Amino acid sequence: MKSMYQIESWANSNYPKWLNFVRIALGLVIFFKGFVYVRDTEALMLILRNTEAGMATIGMVHFIAFAHIFGGIFIALGLGTRIAVLIQLPILLGAVLFVNVSKGFFAVNSELSFSLAVLVFLFIFLIYGSGKISLQQYILNLREKQQYS
């Protein structure tokens, strides 16, 4: 547990400001991808049917869509970013390892590069967290002000 606090302390002191905008953009991309899946669940079901998930496909479709919507909002706002990222990681790992690999790495219209980029950024924000420009930091600052007043 002590090492987790050390990582968080290091990440907070070494957090570049431009990374906040990347976090916001990543959250919005994930949110809109979830919104697309809600609007067109058949497209996601077709993708997942190829993974041989069987009857679990319907549940996975709903979980992925809503996890992307809510996780994207939380990541963009910077509220519980690490938890939201942890929820997104299995989805993106599945997208990279099962969905894109079954299509082939060099297939036409493959989303492998997009999925890999999102996965890399998720790992970055798992380490760095929300940053200074976030709702979480704003709430912490309010608590400090109330504590000292």
N, C-alpha and C. Protein backbone atom coordinates (compact mmCIF):
# COMPACT_ATOMS: atom_id res chain seq x y z
N MET A 1 0.83 -1.19 0.00
CA MET A 1 0.00 0.00 0.00
C MET A 1 0.87 1.25 0.00
N LYS A 2 2.02 1.15 0.70
CA LYS A 2 2.93 2.29 0.76
C LYS A 2 3.46 2.64 -0.62
N SER A 3 3.75 1.62 -1.42
CA SER A 3 4.26 1.87 -2.77
C SER A 3 3.22 2.55 -3.64
N MET A 4 1.94 2.26 -3.42
CA MET A 4 0.87 2.93 -4.18
C MET A 4 0.86 4.43 -3.87
N TYR A 5 1.05 4.79 -2.62
CA TYR A 5 1.12 6.20 -2.24
C TYR A 5 2.37 6.86 -2.82
N GLN A 6 3.46 6.12 -2.88
CA GLN A 6 4.68 6.67 -3.48
C GLN A 6 4.50 6.92 -4.97
N ILE A 7 3.85 5.99 -5.67
CA ILE A 7 3.59 6.16 -7.10
C ILE A 7 2.67 7.36 -7.31
N GLU A 8 1.63 7.46 -6.50
CA GLU A 8 0.69 8.58 -6.63
C GLU A 8 1.38 9.90 -6.34
N SER A 9 2.23 9.95 -5.34
CA SER A 9 2.96 11.16 -5.01
C SER A 9 3.91 11.55 -6.14
N TRP A 10 4.62 10.56 -6.69
CA TRP A 10 5.52 10.83 -7.80
C TRP A 10 4.75 11.32 -9.02
N ALA A 11 3.62 10.68 -9.32
CA ALA A 11 2.82 11.05 -10.50
C ALA A 11 2.27 12.45 -10.35
N ASN A 12 1.83 12.82 -9.15
CA ASN A 12 1.30 14.17 -8.94
C ASN A 12 2.37 15.24 -9.11
N SER A 13 3.58 14.95 -8.69
CA SER A 13 4.65 15.95 -8.81
C SER A 13 5.25 16.01 -10.22
N ASN A 14 5.04 14.99 -11.02
CA ASN A 14 5.61 14.94 -12.38
C ASN A 14 4.54 14.93 -13.46
N TYR A 15 3.39 15.49 -13.19
CA TYR A 15 2.26 15.45 -14.13
C TYR A 15 2.33 16.65 -15.07
N PRO A 16 2.62 16.44 -16.36
CA PRO A 16 2.65 17.57 -17.30
C PRO A 16 1.23 18.08 -17.57
N LYS A 17 1.09 19.40 -17.71
CA LYS A 17 -0.24 19.99 -17.89
C LYS A 17 -0.91 19.53 -19.17
N TRP A 18 -0.14 19.30 -20.22
CA TRP A 18 -0.74 18.90 -21.49
C TRP A 18 -1.40 17.53 -21.39
N LEU A 19 -0.98 16.73 -20.41
CA LEU A 19 -1.57 15.40 -20.24
C LEU A 19 -3.03 15.48 -19.78
N ASN A 20 -3.39 16.61 -19.14
CA ASN A 20 -4.79 16.81 -18.77
C ASN A 20 -5.68 16.83 -20.00
N PHE A 21 -5.23 17.49 -21.04
CA PHE A 21 -6.03 17.59 -22.26
C PHE A 21 -6.10 16.25 -22.98
N VAL A 22 -5.05 15.47 -22.89
CA VAL A 22 -5.07 14.12 -23.46
C VAL A 22 -6.08 13.26 -22.69
N ARG A 23 -6.10 13.38 -21.36
CA ARG A 23 -7.05 12.64 -20.53
C ARG A 23 -8.49 13.01 -20.89
N ILE A 24 -8.74 14.30 -21.06
CA ILE A 24 -10.08 14.75 -21.42
C ILE A 24 -10.48 14.20 -22.79
N ALA A 25 -9.56 14.28 -23.75
CA ALA A 25 -9.85 13.78 -25.09
C ALA A 25 -10.07 12.26 -25.07
N LEU A 26 -9.26 11.54 -24.31
CA LEU A 26 -9.43 10.10 -24.20
C LEU A 26 -10.80 9.76 -23.61
N GLY A 27 -11.18 10.46 -22.56
CA GLY A 27 -12.49 10.24 -21.96
C GLY A 27 -13.62 10.49 -22.93
N LEU A 28 -13.51 11.57 -23.71
CA LEU A 28 -14.56 11.87 -24.69
C LEU A 28 -14.61 10.83 -25.80
N VAL A 29 -13.46 10.36 -26.25
CA VAL A 29 -13.43 9.32 -27.28
C VAL A 29 -14.09 8.04 -26.77
N ILE A 30 -13.77 7.65 -25.55
CA ILE A 30 -14.36 6.44 -24.97
C ILE A 30 -15.86 6.63 -24.79
N PHE A 31 -16.27 7.81 -24.32
CA PHE A 31 -17.70 8.11 -24.15
C PHE A 31 -18.44 7.99 -25.48
N PHE A 32 -17.92 8.62 -26.53
CA PHE A 32 -18.61 8.58 -27.82
C PHE A 32 -18.61 7.18 -28.42
N LYS A 33 -17.57 6.40 -28.17
CA LYS A 33 -17.56 5.02 -28.63
C LYS A 33 -18.66 4.22 -27.93
N GLY A 34 -18.85 4.45 -26.65
CA GLY A 34 -19.95 3.81 -25.92
C GLY A 34 -21.30 4.26 -26.44
N PHE A 35 -21.42 5.53 -26.76
CA PHE A 35 -22.67 6.06 -27.31
C PHE A 35 -22.98 5.41 -28.66
N VAL A 36 -21.96 5.21 -29.48
CA VAL A 36 -22.13 4.54 -30.78
C VAL A 36 -22.60 3.11 -30.55
N TYR A 37 -22.03 2.43 -29.56
CA TYR A 37 -22.44 1.06 -29.27
C TYR A 37 -23.87 0.99 -28.76
N VAL A 38 -24.32 1.99 -28.01
CA VAL A 38 -25.71 2.01 -27.55
C VAL A 38 -26.65 2.22 -28.73
N ARG A 39 -26.28 3.10 -29.63
CA ARG A 39 -27.12 3.38 -30.80
C ARG A 39 -27.16 2.20 -31.76
N ASP A 40 -26.07 1.45 -31.86
CA ASP A 40 -25.99 0.36 -32.81
C ASP A 40 -25.44 -0.89 -32.12
N THR A 41 -26.27 -1.52 -31.30
CA THR A 41 -25.82 -2.70 -30.56
C THR A 41 -25.55 -3.88 -31.50
N GLU A 42 -26.20 -3.91 -32.64
CA GLU A 42 -25.98 -5.01 -33.59
C GLU A 42 -24.53 -5.05 -34.09
N ALA A 43 -23.96 -3.88 -34.32
CA ALA A 43 -22.56 -3.83 -34.79
C ALA A 43 -21.63 -4.44 -33.75
N LEU A 44 -21.85 -4.09 -32.49
CA LEU A 44 -21.02 -4.65 -31.42
C LEU A 44 -21.29 -6.15 -31.25
N MET A 45 -22.54 -6.57 -31.42
CA MET A 45 -22.86 -7.99 -31.31
C MET A 45 -22.17 -8.78 -32.42
N LEU A 46 -22.10 -8.21 -33.62
CA LEU A 46 -21.40 -8.89 -34.71
C LEU A 46 -19.91 -9.05 -34.41
N ILE A 47 -19.33 -8.02 -33.81
CA ILE A 47 -17.91 -8.09 -33.44
C ILE A 47 -17.70 -9.18 -32.39
N LEU A 48 -18.58 -9.22 -31.40
CA LEU A 48 -18.41 -10.17 -30.29
C LEU A 48 -18.79 -11.60 -30.66
N ARG A 49 -19.66 -11.77 -31.64
CA ARG A 49 -20.03 -13.14 -32.05
C ARG A 49 -18.84 -13.90 -32.60
N ASN A 50 -17.92 -13.18 -33.21
CA ASN A 50 -16.73 -13.82 -33.75
C ASN A 50 -15.77 -14.31 -32.66
N THR A 51 -15.97 -13.86 -31.43
CA THR A 51 -15.09 -14.27 -30.33
C THR A 51 -15.59 -15.52 -29.63
N GLU A 52 -16.69 -16.07 -30.09
CA GLU A 52 -17.26 -17.30 -29.54
C GLU A 52 -17.61 -17.15 -28.05
N ALA A 53 -18.23 -16.03 -27.69
CA ALA A 53 -18.64 -15.81 -26.31
C ALA A 53 -19.98 -16.46 -26.00
N GLY A 54 -20.70 -16.88 -27.00
CA GLY A 54 -21.96 -17.59 -26.80
C GLY A 54 -23.04 -16.68 -26.25
N MET A 55 -23.77 -17.19 -25.27
CA MET A 55 -24.90 -16.45 -24.70
C MET A 55 -24.45 -15.22 -23.91
N ALA A 56 -23.21 -15.17 -23.53
CA ALA A 56 -22.71 -14.02 -22.78
C ALA A 56 -22.57 -12.78 -23.65
N THR A 57 -22.74 -12.93 -24.95
CA THR A 57 -22.57 -11.81 -25.88
C THR A 57 -23.49 -10.65 -25.55
N ILE A 58 -24.75 -10.94 -25.27
CA ILE A 58 -25.72 -9.87 -25.00
C ILE A 58 -25.33 -9.10 -23.74
N GLY A 59 -24.94 -9.81 -22.71
CA GLY A 59 -24.50 -9.15 -21.48
C GLY A 59 -23.25 -8.33 -21.69
N MET A 60 -22.33 -8.87 -22.48
CA MET A 60 -21.09 -8.15 -22.76
C MET A 60 -21.35 -6.88 -23.55
N VAL A 61 -22.28 -6.94 -24.48
CA VAL A 61 -22.62 -5.76 -25.28
C VAL A 61 -23.09 -4.63 -24.38
N HIS A 62 -24.00 -4.96 -23.47
CA HIS A 62 -24.53 -3.92 -22.57
C HIS A 62 -23.47 -3.42 -21.61
N PHE A 63 -22.67 -4.34 -21.07
CA PHE A 63 -21.60 -3.92 -20.16
C PHE A 63 -20.61 -3.01 -20.85
N ILE A 64 -20.17 -3.38 -22.04
CA ILE A 64 -19.18 -2.58 -22.77
C ILE A 64 -19.72 -1.20 -23.08
N ALA A 65 -20.95 -1.15 -23.57
CA ALA A 65 -21.53 0.14 -23.95
C ALA A 65 -21.63 1.07 -22.74
N PHE A 66 -22.21 0.58 -21.65
CA PHE A 66 -22.39 1.45 -20.50
C PHE A 66 -21.09 1.72 -19.74
N ALA A 67 -20.17 0.76 -19.75
CA ALA A 67 -18.85 1.01 -19.14
C ALA A 67 -18.12 2.10 -19.91
N HIS A 68 -18.23 2.09 -21.22
CA HIS A 68 -17.60 3.14 -22.03
C HIS A 68 -18.26 4.50 -21.77
N ILE A 69 -19.57 4.53 -21.69
CA ILE A 69 -20.26 5.81 -21.46
C ILE A 69 -19.87 6.39 -20.11
N PHE A 70 -20.07 5.62 -19.05
CA PHE A 70 -19.79 6.16 -17.72
C PHE A 70 -18.30 6.30 -17.45
N GLY A 71 -17.51 5.34 -17.91
CA GLY A 71 -16.07 5.44 -17.74
C GLY A 71 -15.49 6.62 -18.50
N GLY A 72 -15.99 6.86 -19.71
CA GLY A 72 -15.53 8.01 -20.49
C GLY A 72 -15.83 9.32 -19.81
N ILE A 73 -17.02 9.43 -19.23
CA ILE A 73 -17.38 10.66 -18.51
C ILE A 73 -16.47 10.86 -17.31
N PHE A 74 -16.25 9.79 -16.55
CA PHE A 74 -15.40 9.90 -15.35
C PHE A 74 -13.97 10.23 -15.71
N ILE A 75 -13.45 9.63 -16.78
CA ILE A 75 -12.08 9.92 -17.20
C ILE A 75 -11.98 11.36 -17.69
N ALA A 76 -12.93 11.81 -18.48
CA ALA A 76 -12.89 13.18 -19.00
C ALA A 76 -12.98 14.20 -17.88
N LEU A 77 -13.84 13.95 -16.89
CA LEU A 77 -13.97 14.88 -15.77
C LEU A 77 -12.82 14.77 -14.78
N GLY A 78 -12.12 13.65 -14.79
CA GLY A 78 -11.03 13.45 -13.85
C GLY A 78 -11.54 13.11 -12.47
N LEU A 79 -12.56 12.30 -12.42
CA LEU A 79 -13.16 11.90 -11.15
C LEU A 79 -13.05 10.38 -11.03
N GLY A 80 -12.25 9.90 -10.12
CA GLY A 80 -12.05 8.47 -9.99
C GLY A 80 -11.42 7.88 -11.24
N THR A 81 -10.46 8.59 -11.78
CA THR A 81 -9.87 8.20 -13.06
C THR A 81 -9.26 6.80 -13.02
N ARG A 82 -8.54 6.50 -11.98
CA ARG A 82 -7.88 5.18 -11.92
C ARG A 82 -8.90 4.05 -11.87
N ILE A 83 -9.98 4.24 -11.15
CA ILE A 83 -11.03 3.21 -11.09
C ILE A 83 -11.70 3.06 -12.45
N ALA A 84 -12.01 4.19 -13.10
CA ALA A 84 -12.62 4.15 -14.43
C ALA A 84 -11.69 3.47 -15.43
N VAL A 85 -10.40 3.73 -15.31
CA VAL A 85 -9.43 3.10 -16.19
C VAL A 85 -9.37 1.59 -15.94
N LEU A 86 -9.40 1.19 -14.68
CA LEU A 86 -9.38 -0.25 -14.36
C LEU A 86 -10.58 -0.98 -14.96
N ILE A 87 -11.72 -0.31 -15.03
CA ILE A 87 -12.90 -0.92 -15.64
C ILE A 87 -12.74 -1.00 -17.15
N GLN A 88 -12.07 -0.03 -17.75
CA GLN A 88 -11.89 -0.01 -19.21
C GLN A 88 -10.82 -1.00 -19.68
N LEU A 89 -9.83 -1.28 -18.85
CA LEU A 89 -8.70 -2.11 -19.27
C LEU A 89 -9.09 -3.50 -19.80
N PRO A 90 -9.95 -4.26 -19.11
CA PRO A 90 -10.31 -5.57 -19.66
C PRO A 90 -11.02 -5.47 -21.02
N ILE A 91 -11.81 -4.43 -21.19
CA ILE A 91 -12.52 -4.24 -22.46
C ILE A 91 -11.53 -4.01 -23.59
N LEU A 92 -10.56 -3.11 -23.36
CA LEU A 92 -9.59 -2.81 -24.40
C LEU A 92 -8.61 -3.95 -24.63
N LEU A 93 -8.24 -4.65 -23.56
CA LEU A 93 -7.38 -5.82 -23.74
C LEU A 93 -8.10 -6.88 -24.58
N GLY A 94 -9.39 -7.06 -24.32
CA GLY A 94 -10.18 -7.98 -25.12
C GLY A 94 -10.27 -7.53 -26.57
N ALA A 95 -10.43 -6.22 -26.77
CA ALA A 95 -10.50 -5.70 -28.13
C ALA A 95 -9.21 -5.94 -28.88
N VAL A 96 -8.09 -5.74 -28.20
CA VAL A 96 -6.80 -5.92 -28.86
C VAL A 96 -6.49 -7.40 -29.08
N LEU A 97 -6.66 -8.21 -28.04
CA LEU A 97 -6.22 -9.60 -28.11
C LEU A 97 -7.17 -10.53 -28.86
N PHE A 98 -8.47 -10.31 -28.70
CA PHE A 98 -9.42 -11.26 -29.28
C PHE A 98 -10.07 -10.76 -30.56
N VAL A 99 -10.57 -9.54 -30.53
CA VAL A 99 -11.31 -9.03 -31.69
C VAL A 99 -10.38 -8.70 -32.83
N ASN A 100 -9.35 -7.90 -32.59
CA ASN A 100 -8.46 -7.48 -33.67
C ASN A 100 -7.55 -8.60 -34.14
N VAL A 101 -7.14 -9.48 -33.25
CA VAL A 101 -6.28 -10.59 -33.65
C VAL A 101 -7.05 -11.57 -34.53
N SER A 102 -8.34 -11.77 -34.21
CA SER A 102 -9.13 -12.69 -35.03
C SER A 102 -9.34 -12.15 -36.44
N LYS A 103 -9.34 -10.83 -36.59
CA LYS A 103 -9.46 -10.22 -37.92
C LYS A 103 -8.14 -10.25 -38.66
N GLY A 104 -7.07 -10.29 -37.93
CA GLY A 104 -5.74 -10.21 -38.52
C GLY A 104 -5.18 -8.82 -38.29
N PHE A 105 -3.90 -8.75 -38.04
CA PHE A 105 -3.28 -7.47 -37.70
C PHE A 105 -3.28 -6.49 -38.86
N PHE A 106 -3.25 -6.99 -40.07
CA PHE A 106 -3.16 -6.10 -41.22
C PHE A 106 -4.44 -6.07 -42.04
N ALA A 107 -5.56 -6.41 -41.41
CA ALA A 107 -6.84 -6.43 -42.12
C ALA A 107 -7.28 -5.01 -42.46
N VAL A 108 -8.03 -4.90 -43.54
CA VAL A 108 -8.58 -3.61 -43.94
C VAL A 108 -9.62 -3.19 -42.90
N ASN A 109 -9.65 -1.92 -42.56
CA ASN A 109 -10.57 -1.35 -41.57
C ASN A 109 -10.36 -1.93 -40.18
N SER A 110 -9.18 -2.39 -39.89
CA SER A 110 -8.87 -2.90 -38.56
C SER A 110 -8.72 -1.72 -37.60
N GLU A 111 -9.29 -1.87 -36.42
CA GLU A 111 -9.18 -0.83 -35.41
C GLU A 111 -8.05 -1.13 -34.43
N LEU A 112 -7.13 -1.96 -34.85
CA LEU A 112 -6.05 -2.36 -33.95
C LEU A 112 -5.22 -1.18 -33.48
N SER A 113 -4.84 -0.29 -34.39
CA SER A 113 -4.00 0.84 -33.97
C SER A 113 -4.75 1.76 -33.02
N PHE A 114 -6.04 1.97 -33.27
CA PHE A 114 -6.86 2.80 -32.38
C PHE A 114 -6.98 2.14 -31.01
N SER A 115 -7.26 0.84 -30.99
CA SER A 115 -7.39 0.11 -29.73
C SER A 115 -6.08 0.11 -28.95
N LEU A 116 -4.97 -0.07 -29.65
CA LEU A 116 -3.66 -0.05 -28.98
C LEU A 116 -3.34 1.32 -28.40
N ALA A 117 -3.66 2.38 -29.14
CA ALA A 117 -3.41 3.74 -28.65
C ALA A 117 -4.24 4.01 -27.39
N VAL A 118 -5.51 3.65 -27.43
CA VAL A 118 -6.37 3.84 -26.25
C VAL A 118 -5.84 3.02 -25.09
N LEU A 119 -5.41 1.79 -25.34
CA LEU A 119 -4.87 0.94 -24.29
C LEU A 119 -3.62 1.53 -23.66
N VAL A 120 -2.73 2.07 -24.48
CA VAL A 120 -1.51 2.70 -23.96
C VAL A 120 -1.87 3.90 -23.09
N PHE A 121 -2.80 4.73 -23.55
CA PHE A 121 -3.20 5.90 -22.75
C PHE A 121 -3.90 5.48 -21.46
N LEU A 122 -4.65 4.41 -21.50
CA LEU A 122 -5.27 3.93 -20.26
C LEU A 122 -4.22 3.52 -19.24
N PHE A 123 -3.16 2.84 -19.69
CA PHE A 123 -2.08 2.48 -18.77
C PHE A 123 -1.37 3.73 -18.23
N ILE A 124 -1.21 4.74 -19.06
CA ILE A 124 -0.59 5.99 -18.62
C ILE A 124 -1.43 6.63 -17.52
N PHE A 125 -2.75 6.68 -17.71
CA PHE A 125 -3.60 7.32 -16.71
C PHE A 125 -3.86 6.43 -15.50
N LEU A 126 -3.60 5.15 -15.63
CA LEU A 126 -3.64 4.29 -14.45
C LEU A 126 -2.50 4.69 -13.51
N ILE A 127 -1.37 5.08 -14.07
CA ILE A 127 -0.22 5.50 -13.27
C ILE A 127 -0.37 6.95 -12.82
N TYR A 128 -0.68 7.84 -13.77
CA TYR A 128 -0.70 9.27 -13.47
C TYR A 128 -1.97 9.75 -12.78
N GLY A 129 -3.08 9.11 -12.99
CA GLY A 129 -4.32 9.53 -12.34
C GLY A 129 -4.95 10.73 -13.02
N SER A 130 -5.65 11.51 -12.23
CA SER A 130 -6.49 12.60 -12.76
C SER A 130 -5.73 13.86 -13.15
N GLY A 131 -4.73 14.22 -12.38
CA GLY A 131 -4.00 15.44 -12.67
C GLY A 131 -4.57 16.66 -11.96
N LYS A 132 -3.98 17.81 -12.26
CA LYS A 132 -4.36 19.05 -11.57
C LYS A 132 -5.66 19.64 -12.10
N ILE A 133 -5.92 19.48 -13.40
CA ILE A 133 -7.14 20.02 -13.98
C ILE A 133 -8.17 18.89 -14.01
N SER A 134 -8.80 18.68 -12.85
CA SER A 134 -9.77 17.59 -12.74
C SER A 134 -10.78 17.93 -11.64
N LEU A 135 -11.91 17.27 -11.73
CA LEU A 135 -12.94 17.45 -10.72
C LEU A 135 -12.48 16.90 -9.37
N GLN A 136 -11.70 15.84 -9.41
CA GLN A 136 -11.18 15.26 -8.18
C GLN A 136 -10.26 16.23 -7.45
N GLN A 137 -9.38 16.90 -8.18
CA GLN A 137 -8.48 17.90 -7.58
C GLN A 137 -9.26 19.09 -7.05
N TYR A 138 -10.30 19.48 -7.77
CA TYR A 138 -11.15 20.59 -7.33
C TYR A 138 -11.83 20.26 -6.00
N ILE A 139 -12.34 19.05 -5.88
CA ILE A 139 -12.98 18.63 -4.64
C ILE A 139 -11.97 18.57 -3.50
N LEU A 140 -10.77 18.05 -3.76
CA LEU A 140 -9.73 18.02 -2.73
C LEU A 140 -9.34 19.42 -2.27
N ASN A 141 -9.26 20.35 -3.22
CA ASN A 141 -8.93 21.74 -2.86
C ASN A 141 -10.03 22.36 -2.02
N LEU A 142 -11.29 22.09 -2.33
CA LEU A 142 -12.41 22.60 -1.53
C LEU A 142 -12.36 22.05 -0.11
N ARG A 143 -12.05 20.78 0.01
CA ARG A 143 -11.96 20.17 1.36
C ARG A 143 -10.83 20.80 2.17
N GLU A 144 -9.70 21.07 1.52
CA GLU A 144 -8.59 21.71 2.22
C GLU A 144 -8.98 23.10 2.71
N LYS A 145 -9.64 23.87 1.86
CA LYS A 145 -10.06 25.23 2.23
C LYS A 145 -11.04 25.18 3.39
N GLN A 146 -11.96 24.23 3.37
CA GLN A 146 -12.94 24.12 4.46
C GLN A 146 -12.27 23.67 5.74
N GLN A 147 -11.27 22.86 5.63
CA GLN A 147 -10.57 22.35 6.80
C GLN A 147 -9.78 23.46 7.51
N TYR A 148 -9.20 24.36 6.72
CA TYR A 148 -8.36 25.41 7.30
C TYR A 148 -9.12 26.70 7.58
N SER A 149 -10.40 26.72 7.27
CA SER A 149 -11.14 27.97 7.57
C SER A 149 -12.00 27.85 8.79
